[in-house]
N, C-alpha and C. Protein backbone atom coordinates (compact mmCIF):
# COMPACT_ATOMS: atom_id res chain seq x y z
N UNK A 1 5.49 29.38 -36.63
CA UNK A 1 5.02 30.25 -35.58
C UNK A 1 4.82 29.41 -34.33
N UNK A 2 5.42 29.84 -33.24
CA UNK A 2 5.35 29.12 -31.96
C UNK A 2 4.06 29.44 -31.23
N UNK A 3 3.53 28.48 -30.54
CA UNK A 3 2.32 28.66 -29.75
C UNK A 3 2.69 29.15 -28.35
N UNK A 4 1.79 29.87 -27.72
CA UNK A 4 2.00 30.32 -26.35
C UNK A 4 1.57 29.26 -25.33
N UNK A 5 1.07 28.15 -25.81
CA UNK A 5 0.61 27.06 -24.94
C UNK A 5 1.80 26.47 -24.20
N UNK A 6 1.69 26.35 -22.88
CA UNK A 6 2.79 25.82 -22.06
C UNK A 6 2.75 24.30 -21.96
N UNK A 7 1.65 23.69 -22.35
CA UNK A 7 1.53 22.24 -22.29
C UNK A 7 2.06 21.67 -23.60
N UNK A 8 3.06 20.78 -23.53
CA UNK A 8 3.59 20.21 -24.77
C UNK A 8 2.52 19.36 -25.47
N UNK A 9 2.54 19.39 -26.77
CA UNK A 9 1.55 18.67 -27.55
C UNK A 9 1.71 17.16 -27.41
N UNK A 10 2.88 16.72 -26.97
CA UNK A 10 3.09 15.28 -26.78
C UNK A 10 2.16 14.73 -25.70
N UNK A 11 1.70 15.59 -24.79
CA UNK A 11 0.80 15.14 -23.73
C UNK A 11 -0.58 14.78 -24.26
N UNK A 12 -0.92 15.25 -25.46
CA UNK A 12 -2.24 14.99 -26.01
C UNK A 12 -2.25 13.83 -27.00
N UNK A 13 -1.15 13.14 -27.13
CA UNK A 13 -1.11 11.97 -28.00
C UNK A 13 -1.93 10.86 -27.36
N UNK A 14 -2.56 10.02 -28.18
CA UNK A 14 -3.43 8.97 -27.62
C UNK A 14 -2.72 8.04 -26.64
N UNK A 15 -1.47 7.70 -26.94
CA UNK A 15 -0.74 6.79 -26.05
C UNK A 15 -0.51 7.44 -24.68
N UNK A 16 -0.12 8.72 -24.68
CA UNK A 16 0.11 9.43 -23.42
C UNK A 16 -1.19 9.57 -22.64
N UNK A 17 -2.27 9.89 -23.34
CA UNK A 17 -3.56 10.03 -22.67
C UNK A 17 -4.00 8.70 -22.07
N UNK A 18 -3.79 7.61 -22.81
CA UNK A 18 -4.17 6.29 -22.30
C UNK A 18 -3.34 5.91 -21.07
N UNK A 19 -2.04 6.21 -21.09
CA UNK A 19 -1.19 5.91 -19.93
C UNK A 19 -1.60 6.74 -18.72
N UNK A 20 -1.91 8.02 -18.94
CA UNK A 20 -2.36 8.86 -17.82
C UNK A 20 -3.67 8.33 -17.26
N UNK A 21 -4.61 7.98 -18.13
CA UNK A 21 -5.89 7.45 -17.66
C UNK A 21 -5.70 6.15 -16.89
N UNK A 22 -4.82 5.27 -17.38
CA UNK A 22 -4.55 4.01 -16.69
C UNK A 22 -3.93 4.26 -15.32
N UNK A 23 -2.92 5.15 -15.29
CA UNK A 23 -2.24 5.44 -14.03
C UNK A 23 -3.21 6.01 -13.00
N UNK A 24 -3.95 7.04 -13.37
CA UNK A 24 -4.85 7.68 -12.40
C UNK A 24 -6.02 6.77 -12.07
N UNK A 25 -6.42 5.92 -13.00
CA UNK A 25 -7.45 4.94 -12.69
C UNK A 25 -6.99 3.95 -11.64
N UNK A 26 -5.75 3.45 -11.78
CA UNK A 26 -5.21 2.52 -10.79
C UNK A 26 -5.03 3.18 -9.43
N UNK A 27 -4.55 4.43 -9.44
CA UNK A 27 -4.37 5.15 -8.18
C UNK A 27 -5.71 5.33 -7.48
N UNK A 28 -6.72 5.78 -8.22
CA UNK A 28 -8.02 6.00 -7.58
C UNK A 28 -8.65 4.68 -7.15
N UNK A 29 -8.46 3.61 -7.92
CA UNK A 29 -8.98 2.30 -7.53
C UNK A 29 -8.34 1.85 -6.22
N UNK A 30 -7.03 2.05 -6.09
CA UNK A 30 -6.32 1.67 -4.87
C UNK A 30 -6.83 2.46 -3.67
N UNK A 31 -6.99 3.77 -3.86
CA UNK A 31 -7.42 4.63 -2.75
C UNK A 31 -8.85 4.30 -2.34
N UNK A 32 -9.76 4.23 -3.32
CA UNK A 32 -11.16 3.97 -2.99
C UNK A 32 -11.36 2.52 -2.53
N UNK A 33 -10.58 1.60 -3.07
CA UNK A 33 -10.66 0.21 -2.62
C UNK A 33 -10.24 0.06 -1.17
N UNK A 34 -9.16 0.74 -0.78
CA UNK A 34 -8.72 0.70 0.61
C UNK A 34 -9.76 1.34 1.51
N UNK A 35 -10.37 2.40 1.04
CA UNK A 35 -11.42 3.06 1.82
C UNK A 35 -12.61 2.13 2.03
N UNK A 36 -13.03 1.44 0.97
CA UNK A 36 -14.15 0.52 1.10
C UNK A 36 -13.83 -0.65 2.02
N UNK A 37 -12.60 -1.17 1.93
CA UNK A 37 -12.21 -2.27 2.80
C UNK A 37 -12.21 -1.85 4.26
N UNK A 38 -11.71 -0.65 4.57
CA UNK A 38 -11.70 -0.20 5.95
C UNK A 38 -13.11 0.04 6.45
N UNK A 39 -14.03 0.51 5.57
CA UNK A 39 -15.42 0.68 5.96
C UNK A 39 -16.06 -0.66 6.29
N UNK A 40 -15.75 -1.71 5.49
CA UNK A 40 -16.31 -3.03 5.75
C UNK A 40 -15.80 -3.59 7.07
N UNK A 41 -14.52 -3.39 7.37
CA UNK A 41 -13.97 -3.88 8.63
C UNK A 41 -14.60 -3.16 9.81
N UNK A 42 -14.78 -1.83 9.67
CA UNK A 42 -15.40 -1.05 10.74
C UNK A 42 -16.84 -1.49 10.95
N UNK A 43 -17.56 -1.73 9.87
CA UNK A 43 -18.95 -2.17 9.98
C UNK A 43 -19.01 -3.54 10.64
N UNK A 44 -18.08 -4.42 10.29
CA UNK A 44 -18.05 -5.75 10.90
C UNK A 44 -17.78 -5.69 12.38
N UNK A 45 -16.86 -4.83 12.81
CA UNK A 45 -16.56 -4.69 14.24
C UNK A 45 -17.77 -4.11 14.97
N UNK A 46 -18.48 -3.18 14.32
CA UNK A 46 -19.65 -2.60 14.95
C UNK A 46 -20.72 -3.66 15.19
N UNK A 47 -20.91 -4.54 14.22
CA UNK A 47 -21.91 -5.60 14.37
C UNK A 47 -21.53 -6.55 15.50
N UNK A 48 -20.23 -6.81 15.66
CA UNK A 48 -19.81 -7.75 16.68
C UNK A 48 -19.91 -7.16 18.08
N UNK A 49 -19.68 -5.85 18.22
CA UNK A 49 -19.63 -5.25 19.54
C UNK A 49 -20.90 -4.51 19.91
N UNK A 50 -21.85 -4.40 19.01
CA UNK A 50 -23.08 -3.68 19.28
C UNK A 50 -23.94 -4.47 20.27
N UNK A 51 -24.38 -3.82 21.38
CA UNK A 51 -25.17 -4.57 22.35
C UNK A 51 -26.58 -4.87 21.87
N UNK A 52 -27.11 -4.10 20.92
CA UNK A 52 -28.48 -4.30 20.48
C UNK A 52 -28.60 -5.32 19.37
N UNK A 53 -27.55 -5.50 18.57
CA UNK A 53 -27.61 -6.43 17.43
C UNK A 53 -26.52 -7.48 17.57
N UNK A 54 -26.87 -8.65 17.99
CA UNK A 54 -25.90 -9.74 18.09
C UNK A 54 -26.13 -10.67 16.91
N UNK A 55 -25.30 -10.51 15.86
CA UNK A 55 -25.46 -11.36 14.69
C UNK A 55 -24.62 -12.62 14.81
N UNK A 56 -23.61 -12.59 15.70
CA UNK A 56 -22.81 -13.79 15.91
C UNK A 56 -22.86 -14.16 17.38
N UNK A 57 -22.63 -15.41 17.65
CA UNK A 57 -22.60 -15.85 19.03
C UNK A 57 -21.29 -15.44 19.67
N UNK A 58 -21.29 -15.27 20.97
CA UNK A 58 -20.09 -14.85 21.70
C UNK A 58 -18.99 -15.89 21.57
N UNK A 59 -19.36 -17.16 21.42
CA UNK A 59 -18.34 -18.21 21.32
C UNK A 59 -17.61 -18.15 19.98
N UNK A 60 -18.27 -17.57 18.93
CA UNK A 60 -17.62 -17.44 17.64
C UNK A 60 -16.61 -16.29 17.61
N UNK A 61 -16.83 -15.30 18.42
CA UNK A 61 -15.97 -14.13 18.45
C UNK A 61 -14.77 -14.41 19.35
N UNK A 62 -13.56 -14.11 18.88
CA UNK A 62 -12.39 -14.31 19.74
C UNK A 62 -12.50 -13.45 21.00
N UNK A 63 -12.05 -14.00 22.10
CA UNK A 63 -12.19 -13.28 23.37
C UNK A 63 -11.35 -12.01 23.40
N UNK A 64 -10.26 -11.96 22.66
CA UNK A 64 -9.40 -10.77 22.68
C UNK A 64 -10.05 -9.59 21.99
N UNK A 65 -11.14 -9.81 21.23
CA UNK A 65 -11.87 -8.69 20.64
C UNK A 65 -12.90 -8.12 21.61
N UNK A 66 -13.28 -8.89 22.62
CA UNK A 66 -14.34 -8.46 23.53
C UNK A 66 -13.83 -8.04 24.90
N UNK A 67 -12.66 -8.49 25.29
CA UNK A 67 -12.18 -8.20 26.64
C UNK A 67 -10.68 -7.97 26.65
N UNK A 68 -10.17 -7.56 27.80
CA UNK A 68 -8.73 -7.33 27.94
C UNK A 68 -7.99 -8.65 27.90
N UNK A 69 -6.73 -8.58 27.44
CA UNK A 69 -5.95 -9.81 27.34
C UNK A 69 -4.49 -9.52 27.66
N UNK A 70 -3.77 -10.60 27.97
CA UNK A 70 -2.34 -10.53 28.24
C UNK A 70 -1.64 -11.43 27.23
N UNK A 71 -0.58 -10.91 26.61
CA UNK A 71 0.18 -11.71 25.64
C UNK A 71 1.07 -12.66 26.42
N UNK A 72 0.87 -13.97 26.22
CA UNK A 72 1.67 -14.96 26.93
C UNK A 72 2.87 -15.42 26.11
N UNK A 73 2.69 -15.53 24.79
CA UNK A 73 3.81 -15.88 23.91
C UNK A 73 3.91 -14.78 22.86
N UNK A 74 5.08 -14.17 22.76
CA UNK A 74 5.28 -13.06 21.83
C UNK A 74 5.09 -13.50 20.39
N UNK A 75 4.99 -12.52 19.53
CA UNK A 75 4.76 -12.73 18.11
C UNK A 75 5.88 -13.60 17.50
N UNK A 76 5.49 -14.71 16.86
CA UNK A 76 6.47 -15.60 16.23
C UNK A 76 5.89 -16.11 14.92
N UNK A 77 6.77 -16.54 14.04
CA UNK A 77 6.35 -17.01 12.73
C UNK A 77 5.63 -18.34 12.86
N UNK A 78 4.60 -18.51 12.04
CA UNK A 78 3.83 -19.75 12.06
C UNK A 78 4.67 -20.88 11.46
N UNK A 79 4.64 -22.02 12.09
CA UNK A 79 5.31 -23.19 11.53
C UNK A 79 4.31 -23.93 10.65
N UNK A 80 4.76 -24.96 9.98
CA UNK A 80 3.88 -25.73 9.08
C UNK A 80 2.72 -26.36 9.86
N UNK A 81 2.98 -26.78 11.09
CA UNK A 81 1.95 -27.41 11.90
C UNK A 81 0.93 -26.35 12.35
N UNK A 82 1.44 -25.19 12.78
CA UNK A 82 0.56 -24.13 13.28
C UNK A 82 -0.35 -23.60 12.18
N UNK A 83 0.19 -23.40 10.99
CA UNK A 83 -0.59 -22.77 9.93
C UNK A 83 -1.81 -23.59 9.54
N UNK A 84 -1.74 -24.91 9.74
CA UNK A 84 -2.89 -25.75 9.43
C UNK A 84 -3.94 -25.68 10.53
N UNK A 85 -3.51 -25.39 11.75
CA UNK A 85 -4.43 -25.41 12.88
C UNK A 85 -5.12 -24.08 13.13
N UNK A 86 -4.44 -22.96 12.88
CA UNK A 86 -4.99 -21.68 13.30
C UNK A 86 -5.26 -20.78 12.10
N UNK A 87 -6.45 -20.23 12.09
CA UNK A 87 -6.81 -19.26 11.05
C UNK A 87 -6.05 -17.96 11.24
N UNK A 88 -5.54 -17.72 12.44
CA UNK A 88 -4.80 -16.49 12.73
C UNK A 88 -3.51 -16.42 11.91
N UNK A 89 -2.98 -17.56 11.52
CA UNK A 89 -1.73 -17.58 10.74
C UNK A 89 -1.93 -17.09 9.32
N UNK A 90 -3.15 -17.19 8.81
CA UNK A 90 -3.40 -16.86 7.41
C UNK A 90 -3.20 -15.38 7.10
N UNK A 91 -3.49 -14.48 8.03
CA UNK A 91 -3.45 -13.05 7.75
C UNK A 91 -2.04 -12.53 7.53
N UNK A 92 -1.14 -12.79 8.47
CA UNK A 92 0.21 -12.22 8.38
C UNK A 92 1.32 -13.26 8.35
N UNK A 93 1.01 -14.49 8.73
CA UNK A 93 2.04 -15.51 8.81
C UNK A 93 2.72 -15.52 10.18
N UNK A 94 2.25 -14.66 11.08
CA UNK A 94 2.78 -14.58 12.44
C UNK A 94 1.62 -14.68 13.41
N UNK A 95 1.89 -15.27 14.58
CA UNK A 95 0.82 -15.46 15.57
C UNK A 95 1.40 -15.25 16.96
N UNK A 96 0.54 -14.79 17.88
CA UNK A 96 0.93 -14.68 19.28
C UNK A 96 -0.16 -15.32 20.13
N UNK A 97 0.22 -15.86 21.26
CA UNK A 97 -0.73 -16.50 22.16
C UNK A 97 -1.16 -15.46 23.19
N UNK A 98 -2.47 -15.33 23.37
CA UNK A 98 -2.99 -14.37 24.34
C UNK A 98 -3.87 -15.10 25.34
N UNK A 99 -3.93 -14.56 26.56
CA UNK A 99 -4.78 -15.10 27.61
C UNK A 99 -5.77 -14.01 27.98
N UNK A 100 -7.06 -14.28 27.76
CA UNK A 100 -8.10 -13.31 28.06
C UNK A 100 -8.33 -13.27 29.57
N UNK A 101 -8.44 -12.05 30.11
CA UNK A 101 -8.49 -11.91 31.57
C UNK A 101 -9.82 -12.36 32.18
N UNK A 102 -10.96 -12.03 31.58
CA UNK A 102 -12.26 -12.37 32.18
C UNK A 102 -12.59 -13.84 32.03
N UNK A 103 -12.49 -14.34 30.79
CA UNK A 103 -12.89 -15.73 30.54
C UNK A 103 -11.76 -16.72 30.81
N UNK A 104 -10.55 -16.22 30.98
CA UNK A 104 -9.37 -17.04 31.25
C UNK A 104 -9.14 -18.08 30.15
N UNK A 105 -9.48 -17.70 28.90
CA UNK A 105 -9.25 -18.58 27.75
C UNK A 105 -7.94 -18.21 27.08
N UNK A 106 -7.28 -19.21 26.54
CA UNK A 106 -6.05 -18.98 25.78
C UNK A 106 -6.38 -19.10 24.31
N UNK A 107 -6.10 -18.03 23.55
CA UNK A 107 -6.40 -18.02 22.12
C UNK A 107 -5.19 -17.50 21.36
N UNK A 108 -5.30 -17.60 20.05
CA UNK A 108 -4.20 -17.19 19.17
C UNK A 108 -4.64 -16.01 18.33
N UNK A 109 -3.78 -15.03 18.25
CA UNK A 109 -4.10 -13.77 17.59
C UNK A 109 -3.03 -13.49 16.53
N UNK A 110 -3.47 -13.07 15.36
CA UNK A 110 -2.53 -12.69 14.31
C UNK A 110 -1.81 -11.43 14.74
N UNK A 111 -0.53 -11.32 14.38
CA UNK A 111 0.26 -10.14 14.78
C UNK A 111 1.24 -9.80 13.66
N UNK A 112 1.82 -8.63 13.78
CA UNK A 112 2.81 -8.17 12.81
C UNK A 112 4.18 -8.20 13.48
N UNK A 113 5.09 -8.93 12.88
CA UNK A 113 6.43 -9.09 13.43
C UNK A 113 7.27 -7.85 13.15
N UNK A 114 8.14 -7.50 14.10
CA UNK A 114 9.05 -6.37 13.90
C UNK A 114 10.02 -6.68 12.76
N UNK A 115 10.44 -7.92 12.64
CA UNK A 115 11.33 -8.32 11.57
C UNK A 115 10.64 -8.17 10.22
N UNK A 116 9.37 -8.60 10.14
CA UNK A 116 8.61 -8.48 8.91
C UNK A 116 8.44 -7.00 8.54
N UNK A 117 8.13 -6.17 9.52
CA UNK A 117 7.97 -4.74 9.28
C UNK A 117 9.27 -4.12 8.77
N UNK A 118 10.40 -4.55 9.32
CA UNK A 118 11.69 -4.02 8.89
C UNK A 118 11.98 -4.41 7.44
N UNK A 119 11.68 -5.64 7.08
CA UNK A 119 11.90 -6.10 5.71
C UNK A 119 11.03 -5.30 4.74
N UNK A 120 9.77 -5.09 5.11
CA UNK A 120 8.86 -4.32 4.26
C UNK A 120 9.36 -2.88 4.13
N UNK A 121 9.84 -2.31 5.23
CA UNK A 121 10.35 -0.94 5.21
C UNK A 121 11.54 -0.82 4.26
N UNK A 122 12.50 -1.74 4.36
CA UNK A 122 13.69 -1.64 3.51
C UNK A 122 13.37 -1.93 2.06
N UNK A 123 12.39 -2.77 1.79
CA UNK A 123 11.94 -2.98 0.40
C UNK A 123 11.38 -1.68 -0.16
N UNK A 124 10.57 -1.02 0.65
CA UNK A 124 9.99 0.24 0.21
C UNK A 124 11.08 1.29 -0.02
N UNK A 125 12.04 1.36 0.88
CA UNK A 125 13.15 2.30 0.73
C UNK A 125 13.94 2.01 -0.54
N UNK A 126 14.19 0.74 -0.82
CA UNK A 126 14.90 0.37 -2.04
C UNK A 126 14.12 0.74 -3.29
N UNK A 127 12.81 0.52 -3.25
CA UNK A 127 11.97 0.89 -4.40
C UNK A 127 11.98 2.40 -4.61
N UNK A 128 11.90 3.16 -3.54
CA UNK A 128 11.92 4.62 -3.66
C UNK A 128 13.28 5.08 -4.19
N UNK A 129 14.35 4.50 -3.70
CA UNK A 129 15.69 4.87 -4.17
C UNK A 129 15.85 4.52 -5.65
N UNK A 130 15.41 3.34 -6.06
CA UNK A 130 15.48 2.95 -7.46
C UNK A 130 14.66 3.87 -8.35
N UNK A 131 13.47 4.22 -7.88
CA UNK A 131 12.62 5.14 -8.63
C UNK A 131 13.27 6.52 -8.73
N UNK A 132 13.92 6.95 -7.66
CA UNK A 132 14.60 8.23 -7.67
C UNK A 132 15.72 8.24 -8.72
N UNK A 133 16.51 7.20 -8.77
CA UNK A 133 17.60 7.11 -9.74
C UNK A 133 17.03 7.10 -11.16
N UNK A 134 16.00 6.30 -11.39
CA UNK A 134 15.38 6.23 -12.70
C UNK A 134 14.86 7.60 -13.14
N UNK A 135 14.14 8.27 -12.27
CA UNK A 135 13.59 9.57 -12.62
C UNK A 135 14.68 10.62 -12.79
N UNK A 136 15.77 10.53 -12.03
CA UNK A 136 16.89 11.45 -12.22
C UNK A 136 17.50 11.26 -13.61
N UNK A 137 17.62 10.01 -14.04
CA UNK A 137 18.14 9.75 -15.39
C UNK A 137 17.20 10.28 -16.46
N UNK A 138 15.91 10.15 -16.24
CA UNK A 138 14.93 10.69 -17.18
C UNK A 138 15.05 12.21 -17.26
N UNK A 139 15.20 12.86 -16.11
CA UNK A 139 15.35 14.32 -16.09
C UNK A 139 16.61 14.75 -16.82
N UNK A 140 17.72 14.06 -16.58
CA UNK A 140 18.98 14.41 -17.26
C UNK A 140 18.83 14.22 -18.76
N UNK A 141 18.25 13.13 -19.19
CA UNK A 141 18.04 12.88 -20.62
C UNK A 141 17.14 13.93 -21.24
N UNK A 142 16.06 14.27 -20.56
CA UNK A 142 15.15 15.30 -21.08
C UNK A 142 15.85 16.65 -21.15
N UNK A 143 16.64 16.98 -20.16
CA UNK A 143 17.36 18.27 -20.18
C UNK A 143 18.35 18.32 -21.34
N UNK A 144 19.05 17.22 -21.58
CA UNK A 144 19.99 17.19 -22.71
C UNK A 144 19.25 17.35 -24.04
N UNK A 145 18.10 16.70 -24.15
CA UNK A 145 17.30 16.82 -25.36
C UNK A 145 16.84 18.26 -25.57
N UNK A 146 16.38 18.89 -24.53
CA UNK A 146 15.94 20.29 -24.64
C UNK A 146 17.10 21.22 -24.95
N UNK A 147 18.26 20.95 -24.36
CA UNK A 147 19.45 21.76 -24.66
C UNK A 147 19.83 21.62 -26.13
N UNK A 148 19.78 20.38 -26.66
CA UNK A 148 20.08 20.16 -28.07
C UNK A 148 19.11 20.93 -28.96
N UNK A 149 17.84 20.88 -28.64
CA UNK A 149 16.84 21.60 -29.42
C UNK A 149 17.09 23.10 -29.39
N UNK A 150 17.40 23.62 -28.21
CA UNK A 150 17.63 25.06 -28.10
C UNK A 150 18.87 25.48 -28.88
N UNK A 151 19.94 24.71 -28.78
CA UNK A 151 21.16 25.08 -29.51
C UNK A 151 20.95 24.94 -31.01
N UNK A 152 20.18 23.96 -31.43
CA UNK A 152 19.85 23.80 -32.85
C UNK A 152 19.03 24.98 -33.35
N UNK A 153 18.11 25.42 -32.55
CA UNK A 153 17.27 26.56 -32.92
C UNK A 153 18.13 27.83 -33.03
N UNK A 154 19.03 28.04 -32.08
CA UNK A 154 19.93 29.21 -32.13
C UNK A 154 20.83 29.11 -33.35
N UNK A 155 21.34 27.91 -33.65
CA UNK A 155 22.20 27.73 -34.81
C UNK A 155 21.46 28.09 -36.10
N UNK A 156 20.20 27.64 -36.22
CA UNK A 156 19.41 27.97 -37.40
C UNK A 156 19.15 29.47 -37.52
N UNK A 157 18.90 30.10 -36.38
CA UNK A 157 18.66 31.55 -36.39
C UNK A 157 19.93 32.30 -36.84
N UNK A 158 21.08 31.84 -36.37
CA UNK A 158 22.34 32.50 -36.73
C UNK A 158 22.62 32.29 -38.21
N UNK A 159 22.34 31.08 -38.74
CA UNK A 159 22.58 30.79 -40.16
C UNK A 159 21.68 31.62 -41.06
N UNK A 160 20.47 31.92 -40.59
CA UNK A 160 19.54 32.68 -41.43
C UNK A 160 19.93 34.16 -41.54
N UNK A 161 20.77 34.65 -40.69
CA UNK A 161 21.18 36.07 -40.73
C UNK A 161 22.16 36.33 -41.82
């Protein structure tokens, strides 16, 4: 006797349940982790720019965070010598030289290279395309399996007559 339940019983197997829990746990960890990190960055910027609470000295804060600046040297990849000297190289591996307008100081600011962004974009596109092909093969395989089951069921029904 067939059940009217539309959810296949294979979804309730312990292995499937564990994989679903792991997947959704990782997804939620990623989402909430990114949210917490952005909240920490926002809180840090508020502390630095708040006129009533100065927790750091103005000399510790880069001038490009406090005032207008002009980019003097465009975004370029850090060399071996630069990466040892500037903390700005650690974030992205690219740095640009900026000149602050009020203090007239020259400082180094981490930046995102257009070339780096293009490489990341094409990697993501390749991953999506590969995932699409993989999932299309899974769908085709599942459809063939279901077709086999249906034809087997019809064959058994015809034999019983």
